[in-house]
């Protein structure tokens, strides 16, 4: 959706700095942060570098499992359905971790 309306507000220098700091913590622009909050979501802070290290490892393992499943299915010497089930389980886990650490959560504030 194209944003066509400018909305201007007056803030103190300290308030503007607070908005900018909060936006930086979530890797969002101030405008995106305000829209997210207005739509009833509370964004999460950007995770630290260690989180991304673990996510890369999880992703690599999941990809390896998928490759093993494909190879096992082609050669017929490993329980491919079981391996595929584990790969699916791993991807669900990865999505859950992303959801927990990255996606904004719905706010219950009544004014929204």
PDB file of N, CA and C in Angstrom:
ATOM      1  N   UNK A   1       0.849  -1.165   0.000  1.00  0.00           N
ATOM      2  CA  UNK A   1       0.000   0.000   0.000  1.00  0.00           C
ATOM      3  C   UNK A   1       0.903   1.239   0.000  1.00  0.00           C
ATOM      4  N   UNK A   2       0.637   2.136  -0.919  1.00  0.00           N
ATOM      5  CA  UNK A   2       1.438   3.356  -1.033  1.00  0.00           C
ATOM      6  C   UNK A   2       1.041   4.326   0.064  1.00  0.00           C
ATOM      7  N   UNK A   3       2.017   4.899   0.685  1.00  0.00           N
ATOM      8  CA  UNK A   3       1.776   5.857   1.766  1.00  0.00           C
ATOM      9  C   UNK A   3       1.736   7.256   1.155  1.00  0.00           C
ATOM     10  N   UNK A   4       0.564   7.874   1.178  1.00  0.00           N
ATOM     11  CA  UNK A   4       0.386   9.151   0.495  1.00  0.00           C
ATOM     12  C   UNK A   4       0.097  10.308   1.439  1.00  0.00           C
ATOM     13  N   UNK A   5      -0.068  10.058   2.716  1.00  0.00           N
ATOM     14  CA  UNK A   5      -0.425  11.111   3.671  1.00  0.00           C
ATOM     15  C   UNK A   5       0.749  11.363   4.600  1.00  0.00           C
ATOM     16  N   UNK A   6       1.156  12.614   4.701  1.00  0.00           N
ATOM     17  CA  UNK A   6       2.166  13.003   5.676  1.00  0.00           C
ATOM     18  C   UNK A   6       1.461  13.368   6.970  1.00  0.00           C
ATOM     19  N   UNK A   7       2.026  12.949   8.089  1.00  0.00           N
ATOM     20  CA  UNK A   7       1.452  13.224   9.399  1.00  0.00           C
ATOM     21  C   UNK A   7       2.567  13.821  10.241  1.00  0.00           C
ATOM     22  N   UNK A   8       2.398  15.046  10.652  1.00  0.00           N
ATOM     23  CA  UNK A   8       3.453  15.738  11.396  1.00  0.00           C
ATOM     24  C   UNK A   8       3.031  15.927  12.851  1.00  0.00           C
ATOM     25  N   UNK A   9       3.962  15.675  13.759  1.00  0.00           N
ATOM     26  CA  UNK A   9       3.706  15.914  15.183  1.00  0.00           C
ATOM     27  C   UNK A   9       4.885  16.693  15.748  1.00  0.00           C
ATOM     28  N   UNK A  10       4.645  17.360  16.834  1.00  0.00           N
ATOM     29  CA  UNK A  10       5.703  18.104  17.505  1.00  0.00           C
ATOM     30  C   UNK A  10       6.184  17.284  18.696  1.00  0.00           C
ATOM     31  N   UNK A  11       7.492  17.169  18.802  1.00  0.00           N
ATOM     32  CA  UNK A  11       8.111  16.442  19.903  1.00  0.00           C
ATOM     33  C   UNK A  11       9.234  17.298  20.488  1.00  0.00           C
ATOM     34  N   UNK A  12       9.556  17.007  21.727  1.00  0.00           N
ATOM     35  CA  UNK A  12      10.766  17.610  22.278  1.00  0.00           C
ATOM     36  C   UNK A  12      11.955  16.873  21.678  1.00  0.00           C
ATOM     37  N   UNK A  13      13.111  17.444  21.805  1.00  0.00           N
ATOM     38  CA  UNK A  13      14.310  16.791  21.307  1.00  0.00           C
ATOM     39  C   UNK A  13      14.485  15.422  21.984  1.00  0.00           C
ATOM     40  N   UNK A  14      14.217  15.369  23.280  1.00  0.00           N
ATOM     41  CA  UNK A  14      14.349  14.111  24.029  1.00  0.00           C
ATOM     42  C   UNK A  14      13.357  13.060  23.532  1.00  0.00           C
ATOM     43  N   UNK A  15      12.121  13.477  23.254  1.00  0.00           N
ATOM     44  CA  UNK A  15      11.115  12.534  22.745  1.00  0.00           C
ATOM     45  C   UNK A  15      11.527  12.005  21.374  1.00  0.00           C
ATOM     46  N   UNK A  16      12.003  12.885  20.532  1.00  0.00           N
ATOM     47  CA  UNK A  16      12.447  12.459  19.205  1.00  0.00           C
ATOM     48  C   UNK A  16      13.606  11.476  19.321  1.00  0.00           C
ATOM     49  N   UNK A  17      14.533  11.737  20.229  1.00  0.00           N
ATOM     50  CA  UNK A  17      15.662  10.827  20.448  1.00  0.00           C
ATOM     51  C   UNK A  17      15.186   9.475  20.971  1.00  0.00           C
ATOM     52  N   UNK A  18      14.165   9.499  21.829  1.00  0.00           N
ATOM     53  CA  UNK A  18      13.609   8.233  22.343  1.00  0.00           C
ATOM     54  C   UNK A  18      12.983   7.417  21.216  1.00  0.00           C
ATOM     55  N   UNK A  19      12.213   8.078  20.351  1.00  0.00           N
ATOM     56  CA  UNK A  19      11.610   7.365  19.219  1.00  0.00           C
ATOM     57  C   UNK A  19      12.685   6.770  18.322  1.00  0.00           C
ATOM     58  N   UNK A  20      13.712   7.560  18.033  1.00  0.00           N
ATOM     59  CA  UNK A  20      14.799   7.089  17.169  1.00  0.00           C
ATOM     60  C   UNK A  20      15.520   5.914  17.815  1.00  0.00           C
ATOM     61  N   UNK A  21      15.797   5.996  19.117  1.00  0.00           N
ATOM     62  CA  UNK A  21      16.483   4.904  19.820  1.00  0.00           C
ATOM     63  C   UNK A  21      15.640   3.636  19.805  1.00  0.00           C
ATOM     64  N   UNK A  22      14.341   3.775  20.040  1.00  0.00           N
ATOM     65  CA  UNK A  22      13.457   2.593  20.027  1.00  0.00           C
ATOM     66  C   UNK A  22      13.377   1.993  18.625  1.00  0.00           C
ATOM     67  N   UNK A  23      13.312   2.849  17.620  1.00  0.00           N
ATOM     68  CA  UNK A  23      13.277   2.358  16.243  1.00  0.00           C
ATOM     69  C   UNK A  23      14.578   1.625  15.910  1.00  0.00           C
ATOM     70  N   UNK A  24      15.712   2.190  16.325  1.00  0.00           N
ATOM     71  CA  UNK A  24      17.002   1.543  16.076  1.00  0.00           C
ATOM     72  C   UNK A  24      17.084   0.175  16.745  1.00  0.00           C
ATOM     73  N   UNK A  25      16.510   0.044  17.942  1.00  0.00           N
ATOM     74  CA  UNK A  25      16.547  -1.236  18.654  1.00  0.00           C
ATOM     75  C   UNK A  25      15.787  -2.326  17.906  1.00  0.00           C
ATOM     76  N   UNK A  26      14.815  -1.931  17.101  1.00  0.00           N
ATOM     77  CA  UNK A  26      14.007  -2.909  16.359  1.00  0.00           C
ATOM     78  C   UNK A  26      14.386  -2.971  14.890  1.00  0.00           C
ATOM     79  N   UNK A  27      15.389  -2.187  14.488  1.00  0.00           N
ATOM     80  CA  UNK A  27      15.814  -2.112  13.079  1.00  0.00           C
ATOM     81  C   UNK A  27      14.680  -1.641  12.175  1.00  0.00           C
ATOM     82  N   UNK A  28      13.880  -0.711  12.679  1.00  0.00           N
ATOM     83  CA  UNK A  28      12.786  -0.139  11.909  1.00  0.00           C
ATOM     84  C   UNK A  28      12.988   1.368  11.821  1.00  0.00           C
ATOM     85  N   UNK A  29      12.323   1.970  10.854  1.00  0.00           N
ATOM     86  CA  UNK A  29      12.279   3.429  10.830  1.00  0.00           C
ATOM     87  C   UNK A  29      11.290   3.871  11.908  1.00  0.00           C
ATOM     88  N   UNK A  30      11.360   5.149  12.287  1.00  0.00           N
ATOM     89  CA  UNK A  30      10.403   5.664  13.262  1.00  0.00           C
ATOM     90  C   UNK A  30       8.989   5.534  12.714  1.00  0.00           C
ATOM     91  N   UNK A  31       8.796   5.827  11.438  1.00  0.00           N
ATOM     92  CA  UNK A  31       7.465   5.704  10.828  1.00  0.00           C
ATOM     93  C   UNK A  31       6.956   4.266  10.895  1.00  0.00           C
ATOM     94  N   UNK A  32       7.810   3.312  10.552  1.00  0.00           N
ATOM     95  CA  UNK A  32       7.403   1.901  10.585  1.00  0.00           C
ATOM     96  C   UNK A  32       7.081   1.469  12.015  1.00  0.00           C
ATOM     97  N   UNK A  33       7.872   1.948  12.977  1.00  0.00           N
ATOM     98  CA  UNK A  33       7.618   1.616  14.375  1.00  0.00           C
ATOM     99  C   UNK A  33       6.263   2.164  14.810  1.00  0.00           C
ATOM    100  N   UNK A  34       5.973   3.400  14.465  1.00  0.00           N
ATOM    101  CA  UNK A  34       4.682   3.998  14.841  1.00  0.00           C
ATOM    102  C   UNK A  34       3.521   3.246  14.206  1.00  0.00           C
ATOM    103  N   UNK A  35       3.658   2.870  12.923  1.00  0.00           N
ATOM    104  CA  UNK A  35       2.585   2.109  12.258  1.00  0.00           C
ATOM    105  C   UNK A  35       2.401   0.743  12.910  1.00  0.00           C
ATOM    106  N   UNK A  36       3.500   0.102  13.268  1.00  0.00           N
ATOM    107  CA  UNK A  36       3.423  -1.205  13.918  1.00  0.00           C
ATOM    108  C   UNK A  36       2.689  -1.100  15.241  1.00  0.00           C
ATOM    109  N   UNK A  37       3.053  -0.106  16.046  1.00  0.00           N
ATOM    110  CA  UNK A  37       2.389   0.097  17.337  1.00  0.00           C
ATOM    111  C   UNK A  37       0.921   0.457  17.147  1.00  0.00           C
ATOM    112  N   UNK A  38       0.627   1.306  16.172  1.00  0.00           N
ATOM    113  CA  UNK A  38      -0.749   1.730  15.901  1.00  0.00           C
ATOM    114  C   UNK A  38      -1.622   0.541  15.504  1.00  0.00           C
ATOM    115  N   UNK A  39      -1.031  -0.428  14.816  1.00  0.00           N
ATOM    116  CA  UNK A  39      -1.784  -1.609  14.380  1.00  0.00           C
ATOM    117  C   UNK A  39      -1.872  -2.677  15.455  1.00  0.00           C
ATOM    118  N   UNK A  40      -1.425  -2.357  16.663  1.00  0.00           N
ATOM    119  CA  UNK A  40      -1.625  -3.262  17.787  1.00  0.00           C
ATOM    120  C   UNK A  40      -0.524  -4.271  18.001  1.00  0.00           C
ATOM    121  N   UNK A  41       0.654  -4.039  17.421  1.00  0.00           N
ATOM    122  CA  UNK A  41       1.760  -4.967  17.591  1.00  0.00           C
ATOM    123  C   UNK A  41       2.905  -4.293  18.335  1.00  0.00           C
ATOM    124  N   UNK A  42       3.590  -5.079  19.143  1.00  0.00           N
ATOM    125  CA  UNK A  42       4.764  -4.590  19.847  1.00  0.00           C
ATOM    126  C   UNK A  42       5.971  -5.270  19.221  1.00  0.00           C
ATOM    127  N   UNK A  43       6.803  -4.518  18.499  1.00  0.00           N
ATOM    128  CA  UNK A  43       7.949  -5.152  17.843  1.00  0.00           C
ATOM    129  C   UNK A  43       8.974  -5.628  18.862  1.00  0.00           C
ATOM    130  N   UNK A  44       9.698  -6.625  18.475  1.00  0.00           N
ATOM    131  CA  UNK A  44      10.756  -7.142  19.332  1.00  0.00           C
ATOM    132  C   UNK A  44      12.066  -6.452  18.976  1.00  0.00           C
ATOM    133  N   UNK A  45      12.926  -6.377  19.974  1.00  0.00           N
ATOM    134  CA  UNK A  45      14.252  -5.837  19.707  1.00  0.00           C
ATOM    135  C   UNK A  45      15.011  -6.804  18.807  1.00  0.00           C
ATOM    136  N   UNK A  46      15.907  -6.250  18.017  1.00  0.00           N
ATOM    137  CA  UNK A  46      16.735  -7.088  17.157  1.00  0.00           C
ATOM    138  C   UNK A  46      17.577  -8.001  18.041  1.00  0.00           C
ATOM    139  N   UNK A  47      17.574  -9.300  17.770  1.00  0.00           N
ATOM    140  CA  UNK A  47      18.395 -10.220  18.563  1.00  0.00           C
ATOM    141  C   UNK A  47      19.886  -9.940  18.359  1.00  0.00           C
ATOM    142  N   UNK A  48      20.666 -10.413  19.300  1.00  0.00           N
ATOM    143  CA  UNK A  48      22.104 -10.211  19.196  1.00  0.00           C
ATOM    144  C   UNK A  48      22.719 -11.166  18.173  1.00  0.00           C
ATOM    145  N   UNK A  49      24.006 -11.005  17.920  1.00  0.00           N
ATOM    146  CA  UNK A  49      24.707 -11.790  16.898  1.00  0.00           C
ATOM    147  C   UNK A  49      24.660 -13.288  17.198  1.00  0.00           C
ATOM    148  N   UNK A  50      24.636 -13.656  18.459  1.00  0.00           N
ATOM    149  CA  UNK A  50      24.614 -15.081  18.816  1.00  0.00           C
ATOM    150  C   UNK A  50      23.343 -15.756  18.307  1.00  0.00           C
ATOM    151  N   UNK A  51      22.215 -15.059  18.368  1.00  0.00           N
ATOM    152  CA  UNK A  51      20.968 -15.610  17.859  1.00  0.00           C
ATOM    153  C   UNK A  51      21.118 -15.980  16.388  1.00  0.00           C
ATOM    154  N   UNK A  52      21.693 -15.074  15.593  1.00  0.00           N
ATOM    155  CA  UNK A  52      21.834 -15.319  14.163  1.00  0.00           C
ATOM    156  C   UNK A  52      22.825 -16.445  13.889  1.00  0.00           C
ATOM    157  N   UNK A  53      23.807 -16.599  14.733  1.00  0.00           N
ATOM    158  CA  UNK A  53      24.735 -17.731  14.607  1.00  0.00           C
ATOM    159  C   UNK A  53      23.974 -19.044  14.774  1.00  0.00           C
ATOM    160  N   UNK A  54      23.123 -19.106  15.786  1.00  0.00           N
ATOM    161  CA  UNK A  54      22.328 -20.312  16.010  1.00  0.00           C
ATOM    162  C   UNK A  54      21.330 -20.546  14.879  1.00  0.00           C
ATOM    163  N   UNK A  55      20.737 -19.492  14.378  1.00  0.00           N
ATOM    164  CA  UNK A  55      19.784 -19.654  13.287  1.00  0.00           C
ATOM    165  C   UNK A  55      20.469 -20.168  12.022  1.00  0.00           C
ATOM    166  N   UNK A  56      21.678 -19.705  11.737  1.00  0.00           N
ATOM    167  CA  UNK A  56      22.410 -20.218  10.571  1.00  0.00           C
ATOM    168  C   UNK A  56      22.712 -21.702  10.755  1.00  0.00           C
ATOM    169  N   UNK A  57      23.082 -22.078  11.965  1.00  0.00           N
ATOM    170  CA  UNK A  57      23.368 -23.488  12.241  1.00  0.00           C
ATOM    171  C   UNK A  57      22.102 -24.333  12.088  1.00  0.00           C
ATOM    172  N   UNK A  58      20.987 -23.847  12.637  1.00  0.00           N
ATOM    173  CA  UNK A  58      19.723 -24.573  12.498  1.00  0.00           C
ATOM    174  C   UNK A  58      19.347 -24.737  11.028  1.00  0.00           C
ATOM    175  N   UNK A  59      19.516 -23.681  10.262  1.00  0.00           N
ATOM    176  CA  UNK A  59      19.189 -23.728   8.853  1.00  0.00           C
ATOM    177  C   UNK A  59      20.076 -24.721   8.112  1.00  0.00           C
ATOM    178  N   UNK A  60      21.356 -24.713   8.421  1.00  0.00           N
ATOM    179  CA  UNK A  60      22.284 -25.640   7.768  1.00  0.00           C
ATOM    180  C   UNK A  60      21.923 -27.088   8.086  1.00  0.00           C
ATOM    181  N   UNK A  61      21.599 -27.347   9.326  1.00  0.00           N
ATOM    182  CA  UNK A  61      21.225 -28.718   9.724  1.00  0.00           C
ATOM    183  C   UNK A  61      19.944 -29.135   9.007  1.00  0.00           C
ATOM    184  N   UNK A  62      18.968 -28.244   8.974  1.00  0.00           N
ATOM    185  CA  UNK A  62      17.720 -28.564   8.280  1.00  0.00           C
ATOM    186  C   UNK A  62      17.945 -28.851   6.805  1.00  0.00           C
ATOM    187  N   UNK A  63      18.791 -28.072   6.169  1.00  0.00           N
ATOM    188  CA  UNK A  63      19.101 -28.316   4.760  1.00  0.00           C
ATOM    189  C   UNK A  63      19.798 -29.660   4.580  1.00  0.00           C
ATOM    190  N   UNK A  64      20.704 -29.991   5.477  1.00  0.00           N
ATOM    191  CA  UNK A  64      21.390 -31.289   5.395  1.00  0.00           C
ATOM    192  C   UNK A  64      20.406 -32.446   5.536  1.00  0.00           C
ATOM    193  N   UNK A  65      19.478 -32.313   6.450  1.00  0.00           N
ATOM    194  CA  UNK A  65      18.481 -33.371   6.640  1.00  0.00           C
ATOM    195  C   UNK A  65      17.653 -33.542   5.362  1.00  0.00           C
ATOM    196  N   UNK A  66      17.264 -32.433   4.753  1.00  0.00           N
ATOM    197  CA  UNK A  66      16.498 -32.527   3.507  1.00  0.00           C
ATOM    198  C   UNK A  66      17.304 -33.205   2.405  1.00  0.00           C
ATOM    199  N   UNK A  67      18.580 -32.886   2.311  1.00  0.00           N
ATOM    200  CA  UNK A  67      19.434 -33.515   1.305  1.00  0.00           C
ATOM    201  C   UNK A  67      19.583 -35.011   1.579  1.00  0.00           C
ATOM    202  N   UNK A  68      19.732 -35.374   2.836  1.00  0.00           N
ATOM    203  CA  UNK A  68      19.821 -36.793   3.197  1.00  0.00           C
ATOM    204  C   UNK A  68      18.531 -37.534   2.850  1.00  0.00           C
ATOM    205  N   UNK A  69      17.421 -36.894   3.114  1.00  0.00           N
ATOM    206  CA  UNK A  69      16.136 -37.527   2.810  1.00  0.00           C
ATOM    207  C   UNK A  69      15.993 -37.769   1.313  1.00  0.00           C
ATOM    208  N   UNK A  70      16.373 -36.797   0.516  1.00  0.00           N
ATOM    209  CA  UNK A  70      16.274 -36.957  -0.937  1.00  0.00           C
ATOM    210  C   UNK A  70      17.196 -38.072  -1.427  1.00  0.00           C
ATOM    211  N   UNK A  71      18.411 -38.109  -0.922  1.00  0.00           N
ATOM    212  CA  UNK A  71      19.372 -39.139  -1.325  1.00  0.00           C
ATOM    213  C   UNK A  71      18.920 -40.524  -0.863  1.00  0.00           C
ATOM    214  N   UNK A  72      18.454 -40.595   0.385  1.00  0.00           N
ATOM    215  CA  UNK A  72      18.006 -41.881   0.919  1.00  0.00           C
ATOM    216  C   UNK A  72      16.809 -42.402   0.134  1.00  0.00           C
ATOM    217  N   UNK A  73      15.917 -41.517  -0.225  1.00  0.00           N
ATOM    218  CA  UNK A  73      14.749 -41.922  -0.989  1.00  0.00           C
ATOM    219  C   UNK A  73      15.161 -42.432  -2.369  1.00  0.00           C
ATOM    220  N   UNK A  74      16.139 -41.776  -2.995  1.00  0.00           N
ATOM    221  CA  UNK A  74      16.599 -42.174  -4.323  1.00  0.00           C
ATOM    222  C   UNK A  74      17.326 -43.515  -4.286  1.00  0.00           C
ATOM    223  N   UNK A  75      18.125 -43.729  -3.246  1.00  0.00           N
ATOM    224  CA  UNK A  75      18.915 -44.964  -3.169  1.00  0.00           C
ATOM    225  C   UNK A  75      18.173 -46.099  -2.475  1.00  0.00           C
ATOM    226  N   UNK A  76      17.152 -45.757  -1.701  1.00  0.00           N
ATOM    227  CA  UNK A  76      16.314 -46.772  -1.080  1.00  0.00           C
ATOM    228  C   UNK A  76      16.945 -47.537   0.074  1.00  0.00           C
ATOM    229  N   UNK A  77      17.875 -46.957   0.805  1.00  0.00           N
ATOM    230  CA  UNK A  77      18.477 -47.718   1.898  1.00  0.00           C
ATOM    231  C   UNK A  77      18.293 -47.091   3.274  1.00  0.00           C
ATOM    232  N   UNK A  78      17.567 -46.003   3.379  1.00  0.00           N
ATOM    233  CA  UNK A  78      17.288 -45.369   4.659  1.00  0.00           C
ATOM    234  C   UNK A  78      15.790 -45.142   4.740  1.00  0.00           C
ATOM    235  N   UNK A  79      15.274 -45.118   5.942  1.00  0.00           N
ATOM    236  CA  UNK A  79      13.851 -44.857   6.139  1.00  0.00           C
ATOM    237  C   UNK A  79      13.556 -43.400   5.765  1.00  0.00           C
ATOM    238  N   UNK A  80      13.293 -43.190   4.513  1.00  0.00           N
ATOM    239  CA  UNK A  80      13.087 -41.836   4.001  1.00  0.00           C
ATOM    240  C   UNK A  80      11.887 -41.137   4.648  1.00  0.00           C
ATOM    241  N   UNK A  81      10.750 -41.822   4.876  1.00  0.00           N
ATOM    242  CA  UNK A  81       9.635 -41.127   5.525  1.00  0.00           C
ATOM    243  C   UNK A  81       9.995 -40.606   6.923  1.00  0.00           C
ATOM    244  N   UNK A  82      10.753 -41.407   7.661  1.00  0.00           N
ATOM    245  CA  UNK A  82      11.154 -40.975   8.996  1.00  0.00           C
ATOM    246  C   UNK A  82      12.098 -39.772   8.914  1.00  0.00           C
ATOM    247  N   UNK A  83      13.021 -39.826   7.998  1.00  0.00           N
ATOM    248  CA  UNK A  83      13.961 -38.734   7.825  1.00  0.00           C
ATOM    249  C   UNK A  83      13.230 -37.472   7.368  1.00  0.00           C
ATOM    250  N   UNK A  84      12.264 -37.613   6.477  1.00  0.00           N
ATOM    251  CA  UNK A  84      11.483 -36.473   6.020  1.00  0.00           C
ATOM    252  C   UNK A  84      10.672 -35.883   7.165  1.00  0.00           C
ATOM    253  N   UNK A  85      10.115 -36.741   8.000  1.00  0.00           N
ATOM    254  CA  UNK A  85       9.349 -36.269   9.156  1.00  0.00           C
ATOM    255  C   UNK A  85      10.241 -35.442  10.075  1.00  0.00           C
ATOM    256  N   UNK A  86      11.474 -35.893  10.289  1.00  0.00           N
ATOM    257  CA  UNK A  86      12.414 -35.146  11.126  1.00  0.00           C
ATOM    258  C   UNK A  86      12.775 -33.806  10.489  1.00  0.00           C
ATOM    259  N   UNK A  87      12.925 -33.789   9.192  1.00  0.00           N
ATOM    260  CA  UNK A  87      13.232 -32.541   8.492  1.00  0.00           C
ATOM    261  C   UNK A  87      12.082 -31.547   8.663  1.00  0.00           C
ATOM    262  N   UNK A  88      10.861 -32.021   8.538  1.00  0.00           N
ATOM    263  CA  UNK A  88       9.705 -31.155   8.721  1.00  0.00           C
ATOM    264  C   UNK A  88       9.642 -30.637  10.158  1.00  0.00           C
ATOM    265  N   UNK A  89       9.917 -31.521  11.096  1.00  0.00           N
ATOM    266  CA  UNK A  89       9.935 -31.122  12.507  1.00  0.00           C
ATOM    267  C   UNK A  89      10.977 -30.046  12.754  1.00  0.00           C
ATOM    268  N   UNK A  90      12.120 -30.197  12.122  1.00  0.00           N
ATOM    269  CA  UNK A  90      13.201 -29.221  12.281  1.00  0.00           C
ATOM    270  C   UNK A  90      12.796 -27.858  11.719  1.00  0.00           C
ATOM    271  N   UNK A  91      12.140 -27.853  10.578  1.00  0.00           N
ATOM    272  CA  UNK A  91      11.717 -26.583   9.983  1.00  0.00           C
ATOM    273  C   UNK A  91      10.637 -25.901  10.823  1.00  0.00           C
ATOM    274  N   UNK A  92       9.774 -26.677  11.432  1.00  0.00           N
ATOM    275  CA  UNK A  92       8.768 -26.110  12.335  1.00  0.00           C
ATOM    276  C   UNK A  92       9.459 -25.467  13.535  1.00  0.00           C
ATOM    277  N   UNK A  93      10.458 -26.148  14.065  1.00  0.00           N
ATOM    278  CA  UNK A  93      11.230 -25.604  15.183  1.00  0.00           C
ATOM    279  C   UNK A  93      11.901 -24.288  14.780  1.00  0.00           C
ATOM    280  N   UNK A  94      12.496 -24.260  13.616  1.00  0.00           N
ATOM    281  CA  UNK A  94      13.168 -23.054  13.133  1.00  0.00           C
ATOM    282  C   UNK A  94      12.169 -21.898  13.019  1.00  0.00           C
ATOM    283  N   UNK A  95      10.987 -22.170  12.487  1.00  0.00           N
ATOM    284  CA  UNK A  95       9.959 -21.131  12.362  1.00  0.00           C
ATOM    285  C   UNK A  95       9.505 -20.643  13.735  1.00  0.00           C
ATOM    286  N   UNK A  96       9.396 -21.566  14.690  1.00  0.00           N
ATOM    287  CA  UNK A  96       9.019 -21.180  16.053  1.00  0.00           C
ATOM    288  C   UNK A  96      10.065 -20.263  16.683  1.00  0.00           C
ATOM    289  N   UNK A  97      11.330 -20.559  16.464  1.00  0.00           N
ATOM    290  CA  UNK A  97      12.400 -19.725  17.005  1.00  0.00           C
ATOM    291  C   UNK A  97      12.342 -18.336  16.372  1.00  0.00           C
ATOM    292  N   UNK A  98      12.146 -18.288  15.056  1.00  0.00           N
ATOM    293  CA  UNK A  98      12.029 -16.994  14.384  1.00  0.00           C
ATOM    294  C   UNK A  98      10.835 -16.216  14.932  1.00  0.00           C
ATOM    295  N   UNK A  99       9.735 -16.902  15.137  1.00  0.00           N
ATOM    296  CA  UNK A  99       8.540 -16.247  15.654  1.00  0.00           C
ATOM    297  C   UNK A  99       8.787 -15.692  17.053  1.00  0.00           C
ATOM    298  N   UNK A 100       9.448 -16.463  17.873  1.00  0.00           N
ATOM    299  CA  UNK A 100       9.698 -16.053  19.260  1.00  0.00           C
ATOM    300  C   UNK A 100      10.639 -14.863  19.332  1.00  0.00           C
ATOM    301  N   UNK A 101      11.647 -14.842  18.506  1.00  0.00           N
ATOM    302  CA  UNK A 101      12.676 -13.826  18.621  1.00  0.00           C
ATOM    303  C   UNK A 101      12.535 -12.659  17.651  1.00  0.00           C
ATOM    304  N   UNK A 102      11.845 -12.818  16.542  1.00  0.00           N
ATOM    305  CA  UNK A 102      11.866 -11.793  15.508  1.00  0.00           C
ATOM    306  C   UNK A 102      10.534 -11.124  15.234  1.00  0.00           C
ATOM    307  N   UNK A 103       9.464 -11.859  15.203  1.00  0.00           N
ATOM    308  CA  UNK A 103       8.196 -11.287  14.783  1.00  0.00           C
ATOM    309  C   UNK A 103       7.565 -10.465  15.903  1.00  0.00           C
ATOM    310  N   UNK A 104       6.902  -9.365  15.533  1.00  0.00           N
ATOM    311  CA  UNK A 104       6.226  -8.567  16.567  1.00  0.00           C
ATOM    312  C   UNK A 104       5.071  -9.354  17.157  1.00  0.00           C
ATOM    313  N   UNK A 105       4.755  -9.042  18.402  1.00  0.00           N
ATOM    314  CA  UNK A 105       3.631  -9.730  19.025  1.00  0.00           C
ATOM    315  C   UNK A 105       2.467  -8.765  19.176  1.00  0.00           C
ATOM    316  N   UNK A 106       1.269  -9.306  19.188  1.00  0.00           N
ATOM    317  CA  UNK A 106       0.060  -8.494  19.269  1.00  0.00           C
ATOM    318  C   UNK A 106      -0.036  -7.876  20.655  1.00  0.00           C
ATOM    319  N   UNK A 107      -0.390  -6.606  20.685  1.00  0.00           N
ATOM    320  CA  UNK A 107      -0.560  -5.883  21.936  1.00  0.00           C
ATOM    321  C   UNK A 107      -2.016  -5.959  22.369  1.00  0.00           C
ATOM    322  N   UNK A 108      -2.261  -5.885  23.666  1.00  0.00           N
ATOM    323  CA  UNK A 108      -3.629  -5.902  24.181  1.00  0.00           C
ATOM    324  C   UNK A 108      -4.068  -4.528  24.683  1.00  0.00           C
ATOM    325  N   UNK A 109      -3.368  -3.472  24.255  1.00  0.00           N
ATOM    326  CA  UNK A 109      -3.751  -2.147  24.687  1.00  0.00           C
ATOM    327  C   UNK A 109      -5.120  -1.803  24.114  1.00  0.00           C
ATOM    328  N   UNK A 110      -5.990  -1.261  24.947  1.00  0.00           N
ATOM    329  CA  UNK A 110      -7.365  -1.013  24.540  1.00  0.00           C
ATOM    330  C   UNK A 110      -7.522   0.152  23.566  1.00  0.00           C
ATOM    331  N   UNK A 111      -6.598   1.092  23.565  1.00  0.00           N
ATOM    332  CA  UNK A 111      -6.734   2.263  22.689  1.00  0.00           C
ATOM    333  C   UNK A 111      -6.419   1.947  21.239  1.00  0.00           C
ATOM    334  N   UNK A 112      -5.900   0.801  20.972  1.00  0.00           N
ATOM    335  CA  UNK A 112      -5.495   0.489  19.593  1.00  0.00           C
ATOM    336  C   UNK A 112      -6.635  -0.085  18.801  1.00  0.00           C
TER     337      UNK A 112
END
